[in-house]
Amino acid sequence: MRLMAALMEHAFDSPPPMLKTLAASAGMPPAKAHRYMVSLIRSQLVERDEATGRYKLGPMARLMGLRAIQSIDVVRLGGSRLPLICAELGFSVALAVWAHEGPTIIAVEEARRPITIGTRVGEVMPILSSATGLVFGAWLPRALTQKLIDRDVGALVGKESRRASSELEIDKVFDAVVNAGLGTTEGGLNPTVNALSAPIFDHRGVLVAALSTLGPAGELDASPDSAVAVSLGKFAADLSAELGFTSMMATTPPAH
């Protein structure tokens, strides 16, 4: 358990941790940690990159986390509405919550189109270059999101991107999301795909999920005042209301 706790602690490390780092965090000799790791790998709780010798959470650990997340009310409520929302919007839709690794897709409804453009359950979205990630970055405390922001900024260095790398510019990006009421990307993860994402709040006025839609860049208008954006925002607002949120509640994000 100590090794799993250490791996959770270093889940955001880039590159992923080596055995000696995990052993030190768990307070045990590397040789002993290695014996435990062999068992954890066999049970698929841990994965080891054979090329680099680095460790990360395995498929069974991710599945356990997803199953725990899926017991949350917003997941059952939002997941059951995705087919209707997908049919109304005409584009694929997804529900995401904040998990240990960041904004995580926990339910998807694919639109019936000749070419499938979608995401998959369990996918962790980048916080700066995805519409879903922008929603969590805008409404969650910076203390919770900073590691992911730092990781994404590092990934964008040297690459052409409209996402800013300075703290001030990142603040402006998130402020724009709050002002618009949703996150939008045009070719953020794929140059041929546009996406929009709207926040879902609970009875405390706290962000608990993001409702997102994505489609071909030539068909999905990602502007905040587009018909799809307005409809998506209404669906998210309806889900928030069912979770006890009222428009009188303050949802102003914490100070950056």
C-alpha atoms as a PDB file:
ATOM      1  CA  MET A   1       0.000   0.000   0.000  1.00  0.00           C
ATOM      2  CA  ARG A   2       2.888   2.366   0.719  1.00  0.00           C
ATOM      3  CA  LEU A   3       4.216   1.876  -2.798  1.00  0.00           C
ATOM      4  CA  MET A   4       0.795   2.538  -4.316  1.00  0.00           C
ATOM      5  CA  ALA A   5       0.501   5.676  -2.189  1.00  0.00           C
ATOM      6  CA  ALA A   6       3.942   6.765  -3.398  1.00  0.00           C
ATOM      7  CA  LEU A   7       2.954   6.146  -7.015  1.00  0.00           C
ATOM      8  CA  MET A   8      -0.207   8.213  -6.517  1.00  0.00           C
ATOM      9  CA  GLU A   9       1.945  10.996  -5.066  1.00  0.00           C
ATOM     10  CA  HIS A  10       4.180  10.956  -8.136  1.00  0.00           C
ATOM     11  CA  ALA A  11       1.401  10.398 -10.698  1.00  0.00           C
ATOM     12  CA  PHE A  12       1.964  13.854 -12.210  1.00  0.00           C
ATOM     13  CA  ASP A  13       5.743  13.489 -12.530  1.00  0.00           C
ATOM     14  CA  SER A  14       7.099  13.988 -16.036  1.00  0.00           C
ATOM     15  CA  PRO A  15       8.817  11.754 -16.819  1.00  0.00           C
ATOM     16  CA  PRO A  16       7.196   9.098 -14.578  1.00  0.00           C
ATOM     17  CA  PRO A  17       9.163   8.028 -11.489  1.00  0.00           C
ATOM     18  CA  MET A  18      11.908   5.426 -11.284  1.00  0.00           C
ATOM     19  CA  LEU A  19      11.834   2.653  -8.693  1.00  0.00           C
ATOM     20  CA  LYS A  20      14.394   4.389  -6.464  1.00  0.00           C
ATOM     21  CA  THR A  21      12.146   7.465  -6.233  1.00  0.00           C
ATOM     22  CA  LEU A  22       9.112   5.388  -5.280  1.00  0.00           C
ATOM     23  CA  ALA A  23      11.111   3.332  -2.800  1.00  0.00           C
ATOM     24  CA  ALA A  24      12.383   6.486  -1.105  1.00  0.00           C
ATOM     25  CA  SER A  25       8.872   7.938  -0.904  1.00  0.00           C
ATOM     26  CA  ALA A  26       7.571   4.670   0.548  1.00  0.00           C
ATOM     27  CA  GLY A  27      10.433   4.464   3.040  1.00  0.00           C
ATOM     28  CA  MET A  28      11.735   1.055   1.977  1.00  0.00           C
ATOM     29  CA  PRO A  29      14.894  -0.350   0.353  1.00  0.00           C
ATOM     30  CA  PRO A  30      14.802  -0.534  -3.463  1.00  0.00           C
ATOM     31  CA  ALA A  31      15.232  -4.326  -3.406  1.00  0.00           C
ATOM     32  CA  LYS A  32      12.155  -4.740  -1.216  1.00  0.00           C
ATOM     33  CA  ALA A  33      10.208  -2.234  -3.314  1.00  0.00           C
ATOM     34  CA  HIS A  34      11.100  -4.212  -6.444  1.00  0.00           C
ATOM     35  CA  ARG A  35       9.614  -7.414  -5.005  1.00  0.00           C
ATOM     36  CA  TYR A  36       6.362  -5.622  -4.218  1.00  0.00           C
ATOM     37  CA  MET A  37       6.329  -3.989  -7.647  1.00  0.00           C
ATOM     38  CA  VAL A  38       6.497  -7.373  -9.375  1.00  0.00           C
ATOM     39  CA  SER A  39       3.294  -8.369  -7.598  1.00  0.00           C
ATOM     40  CA  LEU A  40       1.594  -5.033  -8.332  1.00  0.00           C
ATOM     41  CA  ILE A  41       2.495  -5.317 -12.016  1.00  0.00           C
ATOM     42  CA  ARG A  42       1.072  -8.841 -12.194  1.00  0.00           C
ATOM     43  CA  SER A  43      -2.190  -7.578 -10.705  1.00  0.00           C
ATOM     44  CA  GLN A  44      -2.218  -4.717 -13.291  1.00  0.00           C
ATOM     45  CA  LEU A  45      -2.248  -2.080 -10.573  1.00  0.00           C
ATOM     46  CA  VAL A  46       1.084  -0.781 -11.868  1.00  0.00           C
ATOM     47  CA  GLU A  47       2.672  -0.534 -15.316  1.00  0.00           C
ATOM     48  CA  ARG A  48       6.411  -0.481 -16.023  1.00  0.00           C
ATOM     49  CA  ASP A  49       7.837   0.982 -19.206  1.00  0.00           C
ATOM     50  CA  GLU A  50      10.335  -1.655 -20.315  1.00  0.00           C
ATOM     51  CA  ALA A  51      12.293   0.876 -22.353  1.00  0.00           C
ATOM     52  CA  THR A  52      12.803   3.423 -19.576  1.00  0.00           C
ATOM     53  CA  GLY A  53      12.184   1.448 -16.386  1.00  0.00           C
ATOM     54  CA  ARG A  54       9.699   4.050 -15.197  1.00  0.00           C
ATOM     55  CA  TYR A  55       6.431   3.296 -13.406  1.00  0.00           C
ATOM     56  CA  LYS A  56       2.850   4.542 -13.652  1.00  0.00           C
ATOM     57  CA  LEU A  57      -0.610   3.479 -12.524  1.00  0.00           C
ATOM     58  CA  GLY A  58      -1.810   0.357 -14.315  1.00  0.00           C
ATOM     59  CA  PRO A  59      -5.135  -0.393 -16.038  1.00  0.00           C
ATOM     60  CA  MET A  60      -6.696  -2.046 -12.984  1.00  0.00           C
ATOM     61  CA  ALA A  61      -5.866   0.954 -10.782  1.00  0.00           C
ATOM     62  CA  ARG A  62      -7.390   3.287 -13.355  1.00  0.00           C
ATOM     63  CA  LEU A  63     -10.487   1.100 -13.641  1.00  0.00           C
ATOM     64  CA  MET A  64     -10.921   1.039  -9.852  1.00  0.00           C
ATOM     65  CA  GLY A  65     -10.688   4.802  -9.790  1.00  0.00           C
ATOM     66  CA  LEU A  66     -13.267   5.120 -12.549  1.00  0.00           C
ATOM     67  CA  ARG A  67     -15.674   2.744 -10.803  1.00  0.00           C
ATOM     68  CA  ALA A  68     -15.415   4.792  -7.613  1.00  0.00           C
ATOM     69  CA  ILE A  69     -16.020   7.988  -9.553  1.00  0.00           C
ATOM     70  CA  GLN A  70     -19.023   6.474 -11.319  1.00  0.00           C
ATOM     71  CA  SER A  71     -20.815   6.134  -7.974  1.00  0.00           C
ATOM     72  CA  ILE A  72     -21.071   9.932  -7.751  1.00  0.00           C
ATOM     73  CA  ASP A  73     -24.557  11.306  -8.346  1.00  0.00           C
ATOM     74  CA  VAL A  74     -23.522  13.650 -11.142  1.00  0.00           C
ATOM     75  CA  VAL A  75     -22.104  10.700 -13.035  1.00  0.00           C
ATOM     76  CA  ARG A  76     -25.331   8.690 -12.914  1.00  0.00           C
ATOM     77  CA  LEU A  77     -27.442  11.745 -13.645  1.00  0.00           C
ATOM     78  CA  GLY A  78     -25.290  13.173 -16.419  1.00  0.00           C
ATOM     79  CA  GLY A  79     -24.439   9.822 -17.963  1.00  0.00           C
ATOM     80  CA  SER A  80     -28.094   8.911 -18.360  1.00  0.00           C
ATOM     81  CA  ARG A  81     -28.768  12.164 -20.239  1.00  0.00           C
ATOM     82  CA  LEU A  82     -25.954  11.884 -22.761  1.00  0.00           C
ATOM     83  CA  PRO A  83     -27.988  10.040 -25.452  1.00  0.00           C
ATOM     84  CA  LEU A  84     -30.648  12.770 -25.408  1.00  0.00           C
ATOM     85  CA  ILE A  85     -28.078  15.574 -25.412  1.00  0.00           C
ATOM     86  CA  CYS A  86     -26.179  13.919 -28.255  1.00  0.00           C
ATOM     87  CA  ALA A  87     -29.362  13.591 -30.309  1.00  0.00           C
ATOM     88  CA  GLU A  88     -30.312  17.215 -29.670  1.00  0.00           C
ATOM     89  CA  LEU A  89     -26.886  18.656 -30.498  1.00  0.00           C
ATOM     90  CA  GLY A  90     -26.065  16.319 -33.366  1.00  0.00           C
ATOM     91  CA  PHE A  91     -22.484  15.910 -32.159  1.00  0.00           C
ATOM     92  CA  SER A  92     -20.666  13.489 -29.853  1.00  0.00           C
ATOM     93  CA  VAL A  93     -20.881  14.394 -26.167  1.00  0.00           C
ATOM     94  CA  ALA A  94     -18.899  13.433 -23.086  1.00  0.00           C
ATOM     95  CA  LEU A  95     -19.039  13.867 -19.326  1.00  0.00           C
ATOM     96  CA  ALA A  96     -15.839  14.504 -17.375  1.00  0.00           C
ATOM     97  CA  VAL A  97     -14.986  14.826 -13.685  1.00  0.00           C
ATOM     98  CA  TRP A  98     -11.826  15.774 -11.839  1.00  0.00           C
ATOM     99  CA  ALA A  99      -9.886  12.655 -10.844  1.00  0.00           C
ATOM    100  CA  HIS A 100      -6.405  12.117  -9.445  1.00  0.00           C
ATOM    101  CA  GLU A 101      -4.758  12.469 -12.846  1.00  0.00           C
ATOM    102  CA  GLY A 102      -6.855  15.460 -13.909  1.00  0.00           C
ATOM    103  CA  PRO A 103      -9.986  16.028 -16.054  1.00  0.00           C
ATOM    104  CA  THR A 104     -11.120  12.480 -16.815  1.00  0.00           C
ATOM    105  CA  ILE A 105     -13.782  11.336 -19.295  1.00  0.00           C
ATOM    106  CA  ILE A 106     -16.213   8.990 -17.529  1.00  0.00           C
ATOM    107  CA  ALA A 107     -19.074   8.714 -20.048  1.00  0.00           C
ATOM    108  CA  VAL A 108     -19.331   9.169 -23.824  1.00  0.00           C
ATOM    109  CA  GLU A 109     -22.142   9.162 -26.377  1.00  0.00           C
ATOM    110  CA  GLU A 110     -21.007   9.033 -30.001  1.00  0.00           C
ATOM    111  CA  ALA A 111     -22.993  10.833 -32.691  1.00  0.00           C
ATOM    112  CA  ARG A 112     -24.092   8.741 -35.650  1.00  0.00           C
ATOM    113  CA  ARG A 113     -21.877  10.106 -38.368  1.00  0.00           C
ATOM    114  CA  PRO A 114     -19.967   8.625 -41.319  1.00  0.00           C
ATOM    115  CA  ILE A 115     -16.691   9.429 -39.578  1.00  0.00           C
ATOM    116  CA  THR A 116     -16.456   8.974 -35.819  1.00  0.00           C
ATOM    117  CA  ILE A 117     -14.904  11.898 -33.989  1.00  0.00           C
ATOM    118  CA  GLY A 118     -14.880  11.327 -30.286  1.00  0.00           C
ATOM    119  CA  THR A 119     -13.048  10.559 -27.091  1.00  0.00           C
ATOM    120  CA  ARG A 120     -12.958   7.495 -24.872  1.00  0.00           C
ATOM    121  CA  VAL A 121     -13.866   6.669 -21.294  1.00  0.00           C
ATOM    122  CA  GLY A 122     -10.831   6.971 -19.047  1.00  0.00           C
ATOM    123  CA  GLU A 123      -9.048   9.532 -21.210  1.00  0.00           C
ATOM    124  CA  VAL A 124      -7.367  12.311 -19.237  1.00  0.00           C
ATOM    125  CA  MET A 125      -7.722  15.667 -20.979  1.00  0.00           C
ATOM    126  CA  PRO A 126      -4.985  18.323 -21.013  1.00  0.00           C
ATOM    127  CA  ILE A 127      -5.950  21.368 -19.006  1.00  0.00           C
ATOM    128  CA  LEU A 128      -4.760  24.063 -21.423  1.00  0.00           C
ATOM    129  CA  SER A 129      -5.452  22.656 -24.882  1.00  0.00           C
ATOM    130  CA  SER A 130      -8.844  20.970 -24.442  1.00  0.00           C
ATOM    131  CA  ALA A 131     -12.246  22.580 -23.912  1.00  0.00           C
ATOM    132  CA  THR A 132     -12.910  20.170 -21.048  1.00  0.00           C
ATOM    133  CA  GLY A 133      -9.619  20.985 -19.352  1.00  0.00           C
ATOM    134  CA  LEU A 134     -10.223  24.721 -19.662  1.00  0.00           C
ATOM    135  CA  VAL A 135     -13.447  24.402 -17.660  1.00  0.00           C
ATOM    136  CA  PHE A 136     -11.667  22.694 -14.773  1.00  0.00           C
ATOM    137  CA  GLY A 137      -8.783  25.135 -14.966  1.00  0.00           C
ATOM    138  CA  ALA A 138     -11.170  28.079 -14.818  1.00  0.00           C
ATOM    139  CA  TRP A 139     -13.360  26.965 -11.910  1.00  0.00           C
ATOM    140  CA  LEU A 140     -11.138  24.810  -9.704  1.00  0.00           C
ATOM    141  CA  PRO A 141      -8.609  26.195  -7.195  1.00  0.00           C
ATOM    142  CA  ARG A 142      -5.189  26.782  -8.719  1.00  0.00           C
ATOM    143  CA  ALA A 143      -3.620  24.743  -5.921  1.00  0.00           C
ATOM    144  CA  LEU A 144      -5.445  21.725  -7.340  1.00  0.00           C
ATOM    145  CA  THR A 145      -4.646  22.333 -10.999  1.00  0.00           C
ATOM    146  CA  GLN A 146      -1.157  23.875 -10.921  1.00  0.00           C
ATOM    147  CA  LYS A 147       0.757  20.635 -11.510  1.00  0.00           C
ATOM    148  CA  LEU A 148      -1.259  19.914 -14.630  1.00  0.00           C
ATOM    149  CA  ILE A 149      -0.868  23.481 -15.839  1.00  0.00           C
ATOM    150  CA  ASP A 150       2.902  23.236 -15.391  1.00  0.00           C
ATOM    151  CA  ARG A 151       2.951  19.918 -17.244  1.00  0.00           C
ATOM    152  CA  ASP A 152       0.907  21.270 -20.151  1.00  0.00           C
ATOM    153  CA  VAL A 153       3.023  24.413 -20.395  1.00  0.00           C
ATOM    154  CA  GLY A 154       6.110  22.221 -20.605  1.00  0.00           C
ATOM    155  CA  ALA A 155       4.525  20.153 -23.363  1.00  0.00           C
ATOM    156  CA  LEU A 156       3.724  23.290 -25.353  1.00  0.00           C
ATOM    157  CA  VAL A 157       7.231  24.752 -25.204  1.00  0.00           C
ATOM    158  CA  GLY A 158       8.644  24.965 -28.697  1.00  0.00           C
ATOM    159  CA  LYS A 159       5.287  24.178 -30.264  1.00  0.00           C
ATOM    160  CA  GLU A 160       2.992  26.544 -32.073  1.00  0.00           C
ATOM    161  CA  SER A 161      -0.045  27.104 -29.865  1.00  0.00           C
ATOM    162  CA  ARG A 162      -2.435  29.871 -29.073  1.00  0.00           C
ATOM    163  CA  ARG A 163      -2.376  28.815 -25.404  1.00  0.00           C
ATOM    164  CA  ALA A 164      -0.202  31.120 -23.344  1.00  0.00           C
ATOM    165  CA  SER A 165       2.702  29.958 -21.217  1.00  0.00           C
ATOM    166  CA  SER A 166       3.043  32.805 -18.727  1.00  0.00           C
ATOM    167  CA  GLU A 167       1.003  32.883 -15.523  1.00  0.00           C
ATOM    168  CA  LEU A 168      -0.604  36.182 -16.467  1.00  0.00           C
ATOM    169  CA  GLU A 169      -1.634  34.952 -19.892  1.00  0.00           C
ATOM    170  CA  ILE A 170      -2.959  31.686 -18.446  1.00  0.00           C
ATOM    171  CA  ASP A 171      -5.043  33.693 -15.979  1.00  0.00           C
ATOM    172  CA  LYS A 172      -6.463  35.650 -18.913  1.00  0.00           C
ATOM    173  CA  VAL A 173      -7.369  32.412 -20.707  1.00  0.00           C
ATOM    174  CA  PHE A 174      -9.246  31.105 -17.664  1.00  0.00           C
ATOM    175  CA  ASP A 175     -10.924  34.475 -17.064  1.00  0.00           C
ATOM    176  CA  ALA A 176     -12.182  34.400 -20.649  1.00  0.00           C
ATOM    177  CA  VAL A 177     -13.653  30.936 -20.046  1.00  0.00           C
ATOM    178  CA  VAL A 178     -15.498  32.163 -16.951  1.00  0.00           C
ATOM    179  CA  ASN A 179     -16.795  35.231 -18.779  1.00  0.00           C
ATOM    180  CA  ALA A 180     -18.024  33.113 -21.691  1.00  0.00           C
ATOM    181  CA  GLY A 181     -19.503  30.497 -19.376  1.00  0.00           C
ATOM    182  CA  LEU A 182     -17.787  27.653 -21.215  1.00  0.00           C
ATOM    183  CA  GLY A 183     -14.500  26.441 -22.627  1.00  0.00           C
ATOM    184  CA  THR A 184     -13.919  26.306 -26.375  1.00  0.00           C
ATOM    185  CA  THR A 185     -11.154  25.007 -28.607  1.00  0.00           C
ATOM    186  CA  GLU A 186     -10.705  25.109 -32.359  1.00  0.00           C
ATOM    187  CA  GLY A 187      -8.265  22.403 -33.328  1.00  0.00           C
ATOM    188  CA  GLY A 188      -6.903  22.251 -29.788  1.00  0.00           C
ATOM    189  CA  LEU A 189      -6.055  18.532 -29.765  1.00  0.00           C
ATOM    190  CA  ASN A 190      -6.749  17.785 -33.418  1.00  0.00           C
ATOM    191  CA  PRO A 191      -6.675  20.430 -36.172  1.00  0.00           C
ATOM    192  CA  THR A 192      -9.829  18.955 -37.704  1.00  0.00           C
ATOM    193  CA  VAL A 193     -11.881  18.939 -34.495  1.00  0.00           C
ATOM    194  CA  ASN A 194     -13.625  21.722 -32.564  1.00  0.00           C
ATOM    195  CA  ALA A 195     -14.955  21.341 -29.031  1.00  0.00           C
ATOM    196  CA  LEU A 196     -17.027  23.117 -26.403  1.00  0.00           C
ATOM    197  CA  SER A 197     -17.437  22.339 -22.716  1.00  0.00           C
ATOM    198  CA  ALA A 198     -19.812  23.706 -20.076  1.00  0.00           C
ATOM    199  CA  PRO A 199     -19.511  23.529 -16.262  1.00  0.00           C
ATOM    200  CA  ILE A 200     -21.852  21.579 -13.991  1.00  0.00           C
ATOM    201  CA  PHE A 201     -22.179  22.786 -10.387  1.00  0.00           C
ATOM    202  CA  ASP A 202     -23.618  21.087  -7.300  1.00  0.00           C
ATOM    203  CA  HIS A 203     -25.782  22.406  -4.457  1.00  0.00           C
ATOM    204  CA  ARG A 204     -22.754  24.197  -2.973  1.00  0.00           C
ATOM    205  CA  GLY A 205     -21.951  26.041  -6.190  1.00  0.00           C
ATOM    206  CA  VAL A 206     -18.848  23.879  -6.624  1.00  0.00           C
ATOM    207  CA  LEU A 207     -17.765  22.582 -10.034  1.00  0.00           C
ATOM    208  CA  VAL A 208     -18.334  18.812 -10.103  1.00  0.00           C
ATOM    209  CA  ALA A 209     -18.259  17.959 -13.812  1.00  0.00           C
ATOM    210  CA  ALA A 210     -17.946  19.261 -17.346  1.00  0.00           C
ATOM    211  CA  LEU A 211     -20.340  18.500 -20.186  1.00  0.00           C
ATOM    212  CA  SER A 212     -18.516  18.585 -23.514  1.00  0.00           C
ATOM    213  CA  THR A 213     -19.274  18.202 -27.196  1.00  0.00           C
ATOM    214  CA  LEU A 214     -16.946  17.824 -30.154  1.00  0.00           C
ATOM    215  CA  GLY A 215     -17.246  17.563 -33.904  1.00  0.00           C
ATOM    216  CA  PRO A 216     -15.665  18.327 -37.282  1.00  0.00           C
ATOM    217  CA  ALA A 217     -14.129  21.787 -37.444  1.00  0.00           C
ATOM    218  CA  GLY A 218     -16.102  22.588 -40.563  1.00  0.00           C
ATOM    219  CA  GLU A 219     -19.425  21.729 -38.924  1.00  0.00           C
ATOM    220  CA  LEU A 220     -19.208  22.526 -35.213  1.00  0.00           C
ATOM    221  CA  ASP A 221     -19.228  26.267 -34.531  1.00  0.00           C
ATOM    222  CA  ALA A 222     -17.082  26.670 -31.411  1.00  0.00           C
ATOM    223  CA  SER A 223     -17.960  30.314 -30.789  1.00  0.00           C
ATOM    224  CA  PRO A 224     -19.472  30.923 -27.310  1.00  0.00           C
ATOM    225  CA  ASP A 225     -22.678  32.368 -28.768  1.00  0.00           C
ATOM    226  CA  SER A 226     -23.317  29.637 -31.349  1.00  0.00           C
ATOM    227  CA  ALA A 227     -26.553  27.637 -31.260  1.00  0.00           C
ATOM    228  CA  VAL A 228     -24.697  24.524 -30.086  1.00  0.00           C
ATOM    229  CA  ALA A 229     -22.925  26.483 -27.341  1.00  0.00           C
ATOM    230  CA  VAL A 230     -26.212  27.914 -26.081  1.00  0.00           C
ATOM    231  CA  SER A 231     -27.874  24.482 -26.067  1.00  0.00           C
ATOM    232  CA  LEU A 232     -24.895  22.849 -24.366  1.00  0.00           C
ATOM    233  CA  GLY A 233     -24.922  25.537 -21.683  1.00  0.00           C
ATOM    234  CA  LYS A 234     -28.628  24.983 -21.080  1.00  0.00           C
ATOM    235  CA  PHE A 235     -28.194  21.226 -20.708  1.00  0.00           C
ATOM    236  CA  ALA A 236     -25.359  21.800 -18.218  1.00  0.00           C
ATOM    237  CA  ALA A 237     -27.469  24.346 -16.328  1.00  0.00           C
ATOM    238  CA  ASP A 238     -30.363  21.883 -16.138  1.00  0.00           C
ATOM    239  CA  LEU A 239     -28.065  19.210 -14.698  1.00  0.00           C
ATOM    240  CA  SER A 240     -26.715  21.726 -12.188  1.00  0.00           C
ATOM    241  CA  ALA A 241     -30.263  22.594 -11.127  1.00  0.00           C
ATOM    242  CA  GLU A 242     -31.052  18.918 -10.544  1.00  0.00           C
ATOM    243  CA  LEU A 243     -27.993  18.727  -8.305  1.00  0.00           C
ATOM    244  CA  GLY A 244     -29.378  21.582  -6.204  1.00  0.00           C
ATOM    245  CA  PHE A 245     -27.602  24.528  -7.790  1.00  0.00           C
ATOM    246  CA  THR A 246     -29.483  27.794  -8.205  1.00  0.00           C
ATOM    247  CA  SER A 247     -28.522  30.809 -10.281  1.00  0.00           C
ATOM    248  CA  MET A 248     -28.348  32.891  -7.094  1.00  0.00           C
ATOM    249  CA  MET A 249     -25.316  30.926  -5.910  1.00  0.00           C
ATOM    250  CA  ALA A 250     -21.874  32.399  -6.479  1.00  0.00           C
ATOM    251  CA  THR A 251     -19.660  30.340  -8.760  1.00  0.00           C
ATOM    252  CA  THR A 252     -16.817  32.830  -8.976  1.00  0.00           C
ATOM    253  CA  PRO A 253     -13.630  30.763  -9.180  1.00  0.00           C
ATOM    254  CA  PRO A 254     -11.000  31.079  -6.435  1.00  0.00           C
ATOM    255  CA  ALA A 255      -8.339  33.739  -6.900  1.00  0.00           C
ATOM    256  CA  HIS A 256      -5.499  32.618  -9.166  1.00  0.00           C
END
